[in-house]
Structure formats: C-alpha cells, structure tokens
Amino acid sequence: MTKQSTIFLKVLYVVSWIIFIGLCIEAGVIIFNAIFTLVIKPESANIYWQEIDLSGLHAFDAGYFLTETVLMSIVAVMQAFLFYLIVKILHDKKLNLAQPFNKEIERFIANMAYLSIGIGIFCYWGANYTKWLISKGIAMPDLQTLRLGGADVWLFMGITLLVIAQVFKRGVEIQKENDLTI
C-alpha cells in the first residue's frame, strides 16, 4: 500500500470512530428517554432527544409511543452497529488493498448490505407508522427529525452492497483458484 492509502485509511478510521460514538450516544439517549418517559416521568415526552416533542403521542396512547420509540431505537442501534463493523474492519487491519478479495471483506460487505436493508425496512415501517399516527390526528414531528426518513436510500444502498458482495464472492473464488495454480 502507498503512504497516501495508509493515511487515508487512518483518517477514515478516526472519522468512523467519531460517527460510531455519535450514533451510540443517539441510540442510548433514545432508549433512555423512552424508558424514562414510560416508567418515571411521563411529562418528559415533550423534551425528547434533539427537541423531538412526542408529548401528543404519549398523551394519546403510551402503547403507540412505545411502538414509535422502539422503531426509532432499532434504526439507531442498527446504524451504530453498521459503523461498528466499519470501525472493526479498520481496527483489525483486515482491509488489505494489495489483495482485497478475501473472505473477511466479502463477509463485511454482505453484513453491511443486510444491515442497510434492515435499516431501510425499519425506516419504512416507522415512516408508515408515523403517517398512520398523523392520519389519526396526533401531532408528530417530521420523519427526518425522528430519524426515520430515507428508507429508499437505505434499501438502495443495501441492494447495491449485495451486488458488490456477490462480485467479491466471485473475486474470492478467482483468488483461491489463482493461489492454487501458482
């Protein structure tokens, strides 16, 4: 690897750590606020994570509130786990640009694809649930504020990564054949 590639991977490693920590904090705060609101102080639904006001939803029905926050939590945890995989592959130095077609990278890309598709599915589910709640007359924040927007982008990214995973799978097979030939 060139010196420029090494520096670039180190920068990506640091940025990935920063994003991972931020996503972990976001997921933890969403889960904590949901539990705190449901168990200890119901009136705290209006001062949710990043100015999200879910007091109308909580006042309407605590079960609907729980469902919405569970969907938000699942998306946040899956996003954090996606960046955990990125941090882990960079930390373990499994990313070898000299021979990129190996089993670890193939598995890494496939796992990222499945997580992206999962995030897309839960975002779509959460968005539709939020729209349904709005149709019932409940005041709800917009989808971007709830971090449930962009399901189509996550699904597109997941399908694209699945295609790339298949290319890497074939690349691993060719690499094994070449190693056996020599």
C-alpha atoms as a PDB file:
ATOM      1  CA  MET A   1       0.000   0.000   0.000  1.00  0.00           C
ATOM      2  CA  THR A   2       1.133   3.509  -0.678  1.00  0.00           C
ATOM      3  CA  LYS A   3       1.692   6.035   2.042  1.00  0.00           C
ATOM      4  CA  GLN A   4      -1.301   8.024   0.795  1.00  0.00           C
ATOM      5  CA  SER A   5      -3.582   4.970   1.123  1.00  0.00           C
ATOM      6  CA  THR A   6      -2.346   4.330   4.640  1.00  0.00           C
ATOM      7  CA  ILE A   7      -3.016   7.920   5.699  1.00  0.00           C
ATOM      8  CA  PHE A   8      -6.447   7.816   4.050  1.00  0.00           C
ATOM      9  CA  LEU A   9      -7.360   4.626   5.952  1.00  0.00           C
ATOM     10  CA  LYS A  10      -6.238   6.209   9.243  1.00  0.00           C
ATOM     11  CA  VAL A  11      -8.392   9.268   8.570  1.00  0.00           C
ATOM     12  CA  LEU A  12     -11.342   7.014   7.740  1.00  0.00           C
ATOM     13  CA  TYR A  13     -10.705   5.090  10.940  1.00  0.00           C
ATOM     14  CA  VAL A  14     -10.837   8.259  13.061  1.00  0.00           C
ATOM     15  CA  VAL A  15     -13.935   9.597  11.281  1.00  0.00           C
ATOM     16  CA  SER A  16     -15.645   6.210  11.625  1.00  0.00           C
ATOM     17  CA  TRP A  17     -14.927   6.211  15.365  1.00  0.00           C
ATOM     18  CA  ILE A  18     -16.409   9.697  15.726  1.00  0.00           C
ATOM     19  CA  ILE A  19     -19.560   8.730  13.819  1.00  0.00           C
ATOM     20  CA  PHE A  20     -19.823   5.432  15.720  1.00  0.00           C
ATOM     21  CA  ILE A  21     -19.618   7.184  19.098  1.00  0.00           C
ATOM     22  CA  GLY A  22     -22.207   9.752  17.998  1.00  0.00           C
ATOM     23  CA  LEU A  23     -24.596   7.041  16.817  1.00  0.00           C
ATOM     24  CA  CYS A  24     -24.117   5.082  20.053  1.00  0.00           C
ATOM     25  CA  ILE A  25     -24.952   8.189  22.065  1.00  0.00           C
ATOM     26  CA  GLU A  26     -28.015   8.840  19.918  1.00  0.00           C
ATOM     27  CA  ALA A  27     -29.252   5.242  20.281  1.00  0.00           C
ATOM     28  CA  GLY A  28     -28.615   5.264  24.020  1.00  0.00           C
ATOM     29  CA  VAL A  29     -30.397   8.567  24.538  1.00  0.00           C
ATOM     30  CA  ILE A  30     -33.428   7.442  22.536  1.00  0.00           C
ATOM     31  CA  ILE A  31     -33.674   4.222  24.560  1.00  0.00           C
ATOM     32  CA  PHE A  32     -33.076   6.030  27.866  1.00  0.00           C
ATOM     33  CA  ASN A  33     -35.641   8.746  27.091  1.00  0.00           C
ATOM     34  CA  ALA A  34     -38.241   6.160  26.118  1.00  0.00           C
ATOM     35  CA  ILE A  35     -37.766   4.199  29.338  1.00  0.00           C
ATOM     36  CA  PHE A  36     -37.592   7.382  31.430  1.00  0.00           C
ATOM     37  CA  THR A  37     -40.789   8.711  29.866  1.00  0.00           C
ATOM     38  CA  LEU A  38     -42.689   5.444  30.191  1.00  0.00           C
ATOM     39  CA  VAL A  39     -41.574   4.497  33.697  1.00  0.00           C
ATOM     40  CA  ILE A  40     -40.534   7.587  35.647  1.00  0.00           C
ATOM     41  CA  LYS A  41     -41.712  10.911  34.241  1.00  0.00           C
ATOM     42  CA  PRO A  42     -44.390  10.847  31.521  1.00  0.00           C
ATOM     43  CA  GLU A  43     -44.335  14.627  31.083  1.00  0.00           C
ATOM     44  CA  SER A  44     -40.753  14.428  29.752  1.00  0.00           C
ATOM     45  CA  ALA A  45     -42.102  13.293  26.358  1.00  0.00           C
ATOM     46  CA  ASN A  46     -42.015  16.930  25.229  1.00  0.00           C
ATOM     47  CA  ILE A  47     -38.246  17.272  25.800  1.00  0.00           C
ATOM     48  CA  TYR A  48     -37.132  14.228  23.900  1.00  0.00           C
ATOM     49  CA  TRP A  49     -33.812  13.762  22.131  1.00  0.00           C
ATOM     50  CA  GLN A  50     -32.865  16.793  19.986  1.00  0.00           C
ATOM     51  CA  GLU A  51     -36.037  18.773  20.619  1.00  0.00           C
ATOM     52  CA  ILE A  52     -38.361  15.995  19.451  1.00  0.00           C
ATOM     53  CA  ASP A  53     -41.783  16.552  21.002  1.00  0.00           C
ATOM     54  CA  LEU A  54     -43.648  13.271  21.361  1.00  0.00           C
ATOM     55  CA  SER A  55     -45.940  14.515  24.135  1.00  0.00           C
ATOM     56  CA  GLY A  56     -49.006  14.416  21.873  1.00  0.00           C
ATOM     57  CA  LEU A  57     -48.302  10.801  21.020  1.00  0.00           C
ATOM     58  CA  HIS A  58     -47.682   9.843  24.652  1.00  0.00           C
ATOM     59  CA  ALA A  59     -50.840  11.629  25.767  1.00  0.00           C
ATOM     60  CA  PHE A  60     -52.863   9.821  23.075  1.00  0.00           C
ATOM     61  CA  ASP A  61     -51.582   6.321  23.890  1.00  0.00           C
ATOM     62  CA  ALA A  62     -48.496   5.023  25.702  1.00  0.00           C
ATOM     63  CA  GLY A  63     -48.521   1.880  23.534  1.00  0.00           C
ATOM     64  CA  TYR A  64     -48.253   3.931  20.348  1.00  0.00           C
ATOM     65  CA  PHE A  65     -45.484   5.933  21.996  1.00  0.00           C
ATOM     66  CA  LEU A  66     -43.645   2.724  22.862  1.00  0.00           C
ATOM     67  CA  THR A  67     -44.002   1.383  19.315  1.00  0.00           C
ATOM     68  CA  GLU A  68     -42.683   4.608  17.775  1.00  0.00           C
ATOM     69  CA  THR A  69     -39.708   4.784  20.133  1.00  0.00           C
ATOM     70  CA  VAL A  70     -38.902   1.095  19.605  1.00  0.00           C
ATOM     71  CA  LEU A  71     -38.812   1.660  15.850  1.00  0.00           C
ATOM     72  CA  MET A  72     -36.592   4.723  16.344  1.00  0.00           C
ATOM     73  CA  SER A  73     -34.347   2.724  18.692  1.00  0.00           C
ATOM     74  CA  ILE A  74     -33.994  -0.201  16.300  1.00  0.00           C
ATOM     75  CA  VAL A  75     -32.957   2.114  13.471  1.00  0.00           C
ATOM     76  CA  ALA A  76     -30.475   3.953  15.704  1.00  0.00           C
ATOM     77  CA  VAL A  77     -28.931   0.726  17.051  1.00  0.00           C
ATOM     78  CA  MET A  78     -28.624  -0.770  13.568  1.00  0.00           C
ATOM     79  CA  GLN A  79     -26.919   2.393  12.298  1.00  0.00           C
ATOM     80  CA  ALA A  80     -24.483   2.278  15.214  1.00  0.00           C
ATOM     81  CA  PHE A  81     -23.800  -1.403  14.544  1.00  0.00           C
ATOM     82  CA  LEU A  82     -23.136  -0.611  10.880  1.00  0.00           C
ATOM     83  CA  PHE A  83     -20.404   1.798  11.903  1.00  0.00           C
ATOM     84  CA  TYR A  84     -19.140  -0.696  14.479  1.00  0.00           C
ATOM     85  CA  LEU A  85     -18.486  -3.093  11.603  1.00  0.00           C
ATOM     86  CA  ILE A  86     -16.587  -0.361   9.755  1.00  0.00           C
ATOM     87  CA  VAL A  87     -14.502   0.504  12.830  1.00  0.00           C
ATOM     88  CA  LYS A  88     -13.828  -3.179  13.492  1.00  0.00           C
ATOM     89  CA  ILE A  89     -12.636  -3.956   9.948  1.00  0.00           C
ATOM     90  CA  LEU A  90     -10.343  -0.928  10.003  1.00  0.00           C
ATOM     91  CA  HIS A  91      -9.094  -1.654  13.533  1.00  0.00           C
ATOM     92  CA  ASP A  92      -8.341  -5.309  12.823  1.00  0.00           C
ATOM     93  CA  LYS A  93      -6.500  -4.244   9.660  1.00  0.00           C
ATOM     94  CA  LYS A  94      -8.404  -6.828   7.623  1.00  0.00           C
ATOM     95  CA  LEU A  95      -8.661  -4.369   4.740  1.00  0.00           C
ATOM     96  CA  ASN A  96      -5.736  -5.302   2.529  1.00  0.00           C
ATOM     97  CA  LEU A  97      -5.713  -3.167  -0.607  1.00  0.00           C
ATOM     98  CA  ALA A  98      -2.984  -5.337  -2.154  1.00  0.00           C
ATOM     99  CA  GLN A  99      -5.326  -8.364  -2.075  1.00  0.00           C
ATOM    100  CA  PRO A 100      -8.834  -7.007  -1.437  1.00  0.00           C
ATOM    101  CA  PHE A 101     -10.652 -10.213  -2.352  1.00  0.00           C
ATOM    102  CA  ASN A 102     -10.695 -12.186   0.874  1.00  0.00           C
ATOM    103  CA  LYS A 103     -13.326 -13.892   2.980  1.00  0.00           C
ATOM    104  CA  GLU A 104     -13.376 -11.200   5.709  1.00  0.00           C
ATOM    105  CA  ILE A 105     -14.094  -8.382   3.259  1.00  0.00           C
ATOM    106  CA  GLU A 106     -16.739 -10.469   1.498  1.00  0.00           C
ATOM    107  CA  ARG A 107     -18.450 -11.126   4.857  1.00  0.00           C
ATOM    108  CA  PHE A 108     -18.053  -7.462   5.850  1.00  0.00           C
ATOM    109  CA  ILE A 109     -19.755  -6.198   2.684  1.00  0.00           C
ATOM    110  CA  ALA A 110     -22.547  -8.776   2.970  1.00  0.00           C
ATOM    111  CA  ASN A 111     -23.170  -7.813   6.620  1.00  0.00           C
ATOM    112  CA  MET A 112     -23.258  -4.137   5.666  1.00  0.00           C
ATOM    113  CA  ALA A 113     -25.766  -4.963   2.920  1.00  0.00           C
ATOM    114  CA  TYR A 114     -28.050  -6.878   5.277  1.00  0.00           C
ATOM    115  CA  LEU A 115     -27.853  -4.132   7.904  1.00  0.00           C
ATOM    116  CA  SER A 116     -28.609  -1.454   5.312  1.00  0.00           C
ATOM    117  CA  ILE A 117     -31.622  -3.381   4.084  1.00  0.00           C
ATOM    118  CA  GLY A 118     -32.749  -3.869   7.692  1.00  0.00           C
ATOM    119  CA  ILE A 119     -32.383  -0.155   8.411  1.00  0.00           C
ATOM    120  CA  GLY A 120     -34.357   0.587   5.255  1.00  0.00           C
ATOM    121  CA  ILE A 121     -37.146  -1.797   6.252  1.00  0.00           C
ATOM    122  CA  PHE A 122     -37.442  -0.367   9.766  1.00  0.00           C
ATOM    123  CA  CYS A 123     -37.274   3.213   8.461  1.00  0.00           C
ATOM    124  CA  TYR A 124     -40.059   2.398   6.009  1.00  0.00           C
ATOM    125  CA  TRP A 125     -42.097   0.745   8.745  1.00  0.00           C
ATOM    126  CA  GLY A 126     -41.522   3.680  11.107  1.00  0.00           C
ATOM    127  CA  ALA A 127     -42.378   6.221   8.399  1.00  0.00           C
ATOM    128  CA  ASN A 128     -45.624   4.458   7.556  1.00  0.00           C
ATOM    129  CA  TYR A 129     -46.476   4.124  11.240  1.00  0.00           C
ATOM    130  CA  THR A 130     -45.826   7.842  11.749  1.00  0.00           C
ATOM    131  CA  LYS A 131     -48.017   8.718   8.754  1.00  0.00           C
ATOM    132  CA  TRP A 132     -50.740   6.500  10.180  1.00  0.00           C
ATOM    133  CA  LEU A 133     -50.469   8.279  13.541  1.00  0.00           C
ATOM    134  CA  ILE A 134     -50.709  11.661  11.798  1.00  0.00           C
ATOM    135  CA  SER A 135     -53.844  10.457   9.979  1.00  0.00           C
ATOM    136  CA  LYS A 136     -55.367   9.758  13.423  1.00  0.00           C
ATOM    137  CA  GLY A 137     -54.868  13.445  14.264  1.00  0.00           C
ATOM    138  CA  ILE A 138     -51.807  13.061  16.501  1.00  0.00           C
ATOM    139  CA  ALA A 139     -49.263  15.876  16.306  1.00  0.00           C
ATOM    140  CA  MET A 140     -45.986  14.278  15.221  1.00  0.00           C
ATOM    141  CA  PRO A 141     -42.570  15.640  14.241  1.00  0.00           C
ATOM    142  CA  ASP A 142     -41.436  15.132  10.652  1.00  0.00           C
ATOM    143  CA  LEU A 143     -39.703  11.911   9.601  1.00  0.00           C
ATOM    144  CA  GLN A 144     -36.238  13.475   9.338  1.00  0.00           C
ATOM    145  CA  THR A 145     -36.450  14.709  12.915  1.00  0.00           C
ATOM    146  CA  LEU A 146     -37.467  11.234  14.070  1.00  0.00           C
ATOM    147  CA  ARG A 147     -34.545   9.756  12.070  1.00  0.00           C
ATOM    148  CA  LEU A 148     -36.978   7.556  10.151  1.00  0.00           C
ATOM    149  CA  GLY A 149     -36.647   9.204   6.744  1.00  0.00           C
ATOM    150  CA  GLY A 150     -34.657   7.888   3.826  1.00  0.00           C
ATOM    151  CA  ALA A 151     -35.843   4.291   3.735  1.00  0.00           C
ATOM    152  CA  ASP A 152     -35.494   4.240  -0.036  1.00  0.00           C
ATOM    153  CA  VAL A 153     -31.856   5.334   0.196  1.00  0.00           C
ATOM    154  CA  TRP A 154     -31.042   2.645   2.753  1.00  0.00           C
ATOM    155  CA  LEU A 155     -32.736  -0.021   0.637  1.00  0.00           C
ATOM    156  CA  PHE A 156     -30.922   1.165  -2.493  1.00  0.00           C
ATOM    157  CA  MET A 157     -27.601   1.098  -0.639  1.00  0.00           C
ATOM    158  CA  GLY A 158     -28.330  -2.390   0.711  1.00  0.00           C
ATOM    159  CA  ILE A 159     -29.176  -3.811  -2.711  1.00  0.00           C
ATOM    160  CA  THR A 160     -26.080  -2.160  -4.200  1.00  0.00           C
ATOM    161  CA  LEU A 161     -23.921  -3.652  -1.459  1.00  0.00           C
ATOM    162  CA  LEU A 162     -25.475  -7.081  -2.079  1.00  0.00           C
ATOM    163  CA  VAL A 163     -24.401  -6.848  -5.715  1.00  0.00           C
ATOM    164  CA  ILE A 164     -20.896  -5.791  -4.644  1.00  0.00           C
ATOM    165  CA  ALA A 165     -20.830  -8.676  -2.147  1.00  0.00           C
ATOM    166  CA  GLN A 166     -21.563 -11.103  -4.977  1.00  0.00           C
ATOM    167  CA  VAL A 167     -18.738  -9.574  -7.024  1.00  0.00           C
ATOM    168  CA  PHE A 168     -16.402 -10.004  -4.060  1.00  0.00           C
ATOM    169  CA  LYS A 169     -17.601 -13.573  -3.591  1.00  0.00           C
ATOM    170  CA  ARG A 170     -16.601 -14.333  -7.176  1.00  0.00           C
ATOM    171  CA  GLY A 171     -13.338 -12.434  -6.657  1.00  0.00           C
ATOM    172  CA  VAL A 172     -12.527 -14.626  -3.656  1.00  0.00           C
ATOM    173  CA  GLU A 173     -13.167 -17.730  -5.753  1.00  0.00           C
ATOM    174  CA  ILE A 174     -10.879 -16.465  -8.523  1.00  0.00           C
ATOM    175  CA  GLN A 175      -8.222 -15.502  -5.937  1.00  0.00           C
ATOM    176  CA  LYS A 176      -8.321 -19.045  -4.491  1.00  0.00           C
ATOM    177  CA  GLU A 177      -8.004 -20.561  -7.956  1.00  0.00           C
ATOM    178  CA  ASN A 178      -5.012 -18.323  -8.728  1.00  0.00           C
ATOM    179  CA  ASP A 179      -3.370 -19.207  -5.389  1.00  0.00           C
ATOM    180  CA  LEU A 180      -3.804 -22.912  -6.134  1.00  0.00           C
ATOM    181  CA  THR A 181      -2.435 -22.500  -9.672  1.00  0.00           C
ATOM    182  CA  ILE A 182       0.806 -20.929  -8.504  1.00  0.00           C
END
